[in-house]
Amino acid sequence: MKPANGESRRHLPTSPFKPPRPAPPAERFSVDDRVTHDRYGLGVVIGVEDEIAVVVDFGSRQERITTPFNKLYKL
């Protein structure tokens, strides 16, 4: 159960439970990277907004995909 303020609970060293795994680093994309998306298929990155979102051209459409990039993979 999470605290009401949204902070995660700290792990006590004496706890019998394993500490939570750290979040994996977010994948970094750059312009002209070839990518694939589980829903939209193959595409090319045409814009990067810091580490917030990427704009991808999938041929028939352009999509802005925000982090986390769960379904977007670099080829």
N, C-alpha and C. Protein backbone atom coordinates (compact mmCIF):
# COMPACT_ATOMS: atom_id res chain seq x y z
N MET A 1 0.83 -1.16 0.00
CA MET A 1 0.00 0.00 0.00
C MET A 1 0.89 1.24 0.00
N LYS A 2 0.62 2.20 -0.83
CA LYS A 2 1.42 3.41 -0.91
C LYS A 2 0.90 4.46 0.06
N PRO A 3 1.81 5.29 0.57
CA PRO A 3 1.37 6.38 1.42
C PRO A 3 0.49 7.34 0.65
N ALA A 4 -0.29 8.11 1.36
CA ALA A 4 -1.24 9.02 0.72
C ALA A 4 -0.56 10.12 -0.07
N ASN A 5 0.67 10.52 0.29
CA ASN A 5 1.33 11.60 -0.41
C ASN A 5 2.01 11.14 -1.70
N GLY A 6 2.01 9.87 -2.02
CA GLY A 6 2.52 9.37 -3.28
C GLY A 6 3.99 8.97 -3.25
N GLU A 7 4.68 9.21 -2.14
CA GLU A 7 6.09 8.82 -2.05
C GLU A 7 6.18 7.31 -1.86
N SER A 8 7.27 6.74 -2.38
CA SER A 8 7.46 5.31 -2.18
C SER A 8 8.04 5.07 -0.78
N ARG A 9 7.82 3.91 -0.28
CA ARG A 9 8.29 3.58 1.05
C ARG A 9 9.76 3.20 0.98
N ARG A 10 10.48 3.53 2.01
CA ARG A 10 11.89 3.18 2.02
C ARG A 10 12.06 1.75 2.49
N HIS A 11 13.12 1.12 2.03
CA HIS A 11 13.39 -0.28 2.37
C HIS A 11 14.25 -0.33 3.62
N LEU A 12 13.84 -1.09 4.60
CA LEU A 12 14.62 -1.25 5.80
C LEU A 12 15.62 -2.39 5.62
N PRO A 13 16.87 -2.20 6.03
CA PRO A 13 17.88 -3.25 5.84
C PRO A 13 17.56 -4.54 6.58
N THR A 14 16.75 -4.47 7.62
CA THR A 14 16.40 -5.68 8.38
C THR A 14 15.16 -6.38 7.84
N SER A 15 14.59 -5.87 6.78
CA SER A 15 13.38 -6.45 6.22
C SER A 15 13.67 -7.79 5.55
N PRO A 16 12.78 -8.78 5.72
CA PRO A 16 12.99 -10.07 5.07
C PRO A 16 12.63 -10.03 3.57
N PHE A 17 12.05 -8.94 3.11
CA PHE A 17 11.64 -8.84 1.73
C PHE A 17 12.74 -8.18 0.90
N LYS A 18 12.78 -8.52 -0.36
CA LYS A 18 13.79 -7.95 -1.24
C LYS A 18 13.47 -6.48 -1.52
N PRO A 19 14.52 -5.65 -1.66
CA PRO A 19 14.24 -4.24 -1.99
C PRO A 19 13.71 -4.13 -3.41
N PRO A 20 12.92 -3.10 -3.69
CA PRO A 20 12.40 -2.96 -5.06
C PRO A 20 13.53 -2.69 -6.03
N ARG A 21 13.38 -3.22 -7.23
CA ARG A 21 14.39 -3.01 -8.27
C ARG A 21 14.35 -1.56 -8.74
N PRO A 22 15.52 -1.00 -9.02
CA PRO A 22 15.51 0.36 -9.57
C PRO A 22 14.93 0.36 -10.97
N ALA A 23 14.29 1.45 -11.33
CA ALA A 23 13.69 1.54 -12.66
C ALA A 23 14.79 1.51 -13.72
N PRO A 24 14.59 0.75 -14.81
CA PRO A 24 15.61 0.73 -15.86
C PRO A 24 15.71 2.10 -16.51
N PRO A 25 16.90 2.44 -16.99
CA PRO A 25 17.05 3.75 -17.63
C PRO A 25 16.18 3.85 -18.88
N ALA A 26 15.63 5.03 -19.10
CA ALA A 26 14.76 5.23 -20.26
C ALA A 26 15.60 5.15 -21.53
N GLU A 27 15.06 4.51 -22.55
CA GLU A 27 15.76 4.41 -23.83
C GLU A 27 15.88 5.80 -24.44
N ARG A 28 17.02 6.09 -25.02
CA ARG A 28 17.25 7.39 -25.65
C ARG A 28 17.17 7.23 -27.15
N PHE A 29 16.41 8.12 -27.76
CA PHE A 29 16.25 8.12 -29.21
C PHE A 29 16.80 9.41 -29.77
N SER A 30 17.27 9.35 -31.01
CA SER A 30 17.73 10.56 -31.69
C SER A 30 17.08 10.61 -33.07
N VAL A 31 17.13 11.77 -33.69
CA VAL A 31 16.52 11.97 -34.99
C VAL A 31 17.15 10.99 -35.99
N ASP A 32 16.33 10.45 -36.87
CA ASP A 32 16.70 9.47 -37.91
C ASP A 32 16.94 8.05 -37.38
N ASP A 33 16.63 7.78 -36.10
CA ASP A 33 16.68 6.40 -35.61
C ASP A 33 15.53 5.62 -36.22
N ARG A 34 15.81 4.41 -36.67
CA ARG A 34 14.75 3.53 -37.15
C ARG A 34 14.20 2.78 -35.94
N VAL A 35 12.88 2.76 -35.82
CA VAL A 35 12.22 2.16 -34.66
C VAL A 35 11.06 1.29 -35.11
N THR A 36 10.60 0.47 -34.17
CA THR A 36 9.39 -0.30 -34.39
C THR A 36 8.50 -0.12 -33.16
N HIS A 37 7.20 -0.09 -33.42
CA HIS A 37 6.20 0.07 -32.36
C HIS A 37 5.23 -1.09 -32.46
N ASP A 38 4.83 -1.63 -31.31
CA ASP A 38 3.93 -2.78 -31.30
C ASP A 38 2.61 -2.50 -32.00
N ARG A 39 2.14 -1.27 -31.99
CA ARG A 39 0.84 -0.95 -32.59
C ARG A 39 0.97 -0.36 -33.99
N TYR A 40 1.96 0.55 -34.19
CA TYR A 40 2.04 1.29 -35.44
C TYR A 40 3.01 0.70 -36.46
N GLY A 41 3.91 -0.17 -36.05
CA GLY A 41 4.85 -0.80 -36.97
C GLY A 41 6.17 -0.07 -37.08
N LEU A 42 6.79 -0.13 -38.28
CA LEU A 42 8.10 0.46 -38.51
C LEU A 42 7.99 1.96 -38.73
N GLY A 43 9.01 2.68 -38.25
CA GLY A 43 8.99 4.13 -38.41
C GLY A 43 10.37 4.73 -38.24
N VAL A 44 10.43 6.05 -38.42
CA VAL A 44 11.67 6.81 -38.28
C VAL A 44 11.40 7.97 -37.33
N VAL A 45 12.32 8.19 -36.38
CA VAL A 45 12.17 9.30 -35.44
C VAL A 45 12.45 10.60 -36.18
N ILE A 46 11.49 11.54 -36.12
CA ILE A 46 11.67 12.82 -36.80
C ILE A 46 11.78 13.99 -35.83
N GLY A 47 11.57 13.73 -34.54
CA GLY A 47 11.69 14.77 -33.54
C GLY A 47 11.85 14.20 -32.15
N VAL A 48 12.66 14.88 -31.32
CA VAL A 48 12.88 14.44 -29.95
C VAL A 48 12.63 15.63 -29.03
N GLU A 49 11.80 15.45 -28.01
CA GLU A 49 11.51 16.48 -27.03
C GLU A 49 12.16 16.11 -25.71
N ASP A 50 13.43 16.49 -25.54
CA ASP A 50 14.23 16.14 -24.35
C ASP A 50 14.08 14.65 -24.08
N GLU A 51 13.70 14.29 -22.87
CA GLU A 51 13.44 12.88 -22.55
C GLU A 51 11.96 12.68 -22.25
N ILE A 52 11.12 13.57 -22.79
CA ILE A 52 9.69 13.53 -22.52
C ILE A 52 8.94 12.75 -23.59
N ALA A 53 9.26 13.01 -24.86
CA ALA A 53 8.52 12.38 -25.96
C ALA A 53 9.36 12.35 -27.22
N VAL A 54 8.94 11.52 -28.17
CA VAL A 54 9.52 11.48 -29.50
C VAL A 54 8.39 11.55 -30.51
N VAL A 55 8.68 12.13 -31.67
CA VAL A 55 7.71 12.16 -32.77
C VAL A 55 8.24 11.20 -33.83
N VAL A 56 7.40 10.25 -34.21
CA VAL A 56 7.81 9.20 -35.13
C VAL A 56 6.93 9.22 -36.37
N ASP A 57 7.57 9.11 -37.54
CA ASP A 57 6.86 9.03 -38.81
C ASP A 57 6.73 7.56 -39.17
N PHE A 58 5.50 7.06 -39.19
CA PHE A 58 5.23 5.66 -39.51
C PHE A 58 4.78 5.48 -40.96
N GLY A 59 5.02 6.47 -41.79
CA GLY A 59 4.62 6.39 -43.20
C GLY A 59 3.23 6.95 -43.41
N SER A 60 2.23 6.27 -42.92
CA SER A 60 0.85 6.72 -43.12
C SER A 60 0.41 7.72 -42.07
N ARG A 61 1.17 7.85 -40.97
CA ARG A 61 0.80 8.76 -39.90
C ARG A 61 2.03 9.14 -39.10
N GLN A 62 1.92 10.24 -38.38
CA GLN A 62 2.96 10.66 -37.45
C GLN A 62 2.38 10.61 -36.05
N GLU A 63 3.13 10.05 -35.13
CA GLU A 63 2.65 9.90 -33.75
C GLU A 63 3.66 10.48 -32.78
N ARG A 64 3.14 11.15 -31.75
CA ARG A 64 3.97 11.63 -30.64
C ARG A 64 3.83 10.60 -29.53
N ILE A 65 4.94 10.00 -29.14
CA ILE A 65 4.94 8.94 -28.14
C ILE A 65 5.69 9.44 -26.92
N THR A 66 5.03 9.41 -25.76
CA THR A 66 5.62 9.91 -24.53
C THR A 66 6.27 8.79 -23.73
N THR A 67 7.12 9.20 -22.77
CA THR A 67 7.76 8.22 -21.91
C THR A 67 6.75 7.65 -20.94
N PRO A 68 6.85 6.45 -20.49
CA PRO A 68 7.88 5.48 -20.83
C PRO A 68 7.60 4.87 -22.20
N PHE A 69 8.65 4.57 -22.90
CA PHE A 69 8.52 4.03 -24.27
C PHE A 69 8.38 2.51 -24.19
N ASN A 70 7.27 2.03 -23.63
CA ASN A 70 7.10 0.60 -23.41
C ASN A 70 7.00 -0.20 -24.70
N LYS A 71 6.36 0.34 -25.72
CA LYS A 71 6.13 -0.41 -26.94
C LYS A 71 6.99 0.04 -28.11
N LEU A 72 7.96 0.93 -27.85
CA LEU A 72 8.81 1.48 -28.89
C LEU A 72 10.22 0.93 -28.72
N TYR A 73 10.75 0.34 -29.81
CA TYR A 73 12.07 -0.30 -29.76
C TYR A 73 12.94 0.23 -30.89
N LYS A 74 14.20 0.49 -30.57
CA LYS A 74 15.16 0.94 -31.57
C LYS A 74 15.65 -0.28 -32.35
N LEU A 75 15.77 -0.13 -33.67
CA LEU A 75 16.26 -1.22 -34.51
C LEU A 75 17.75 -1.09 -34.75
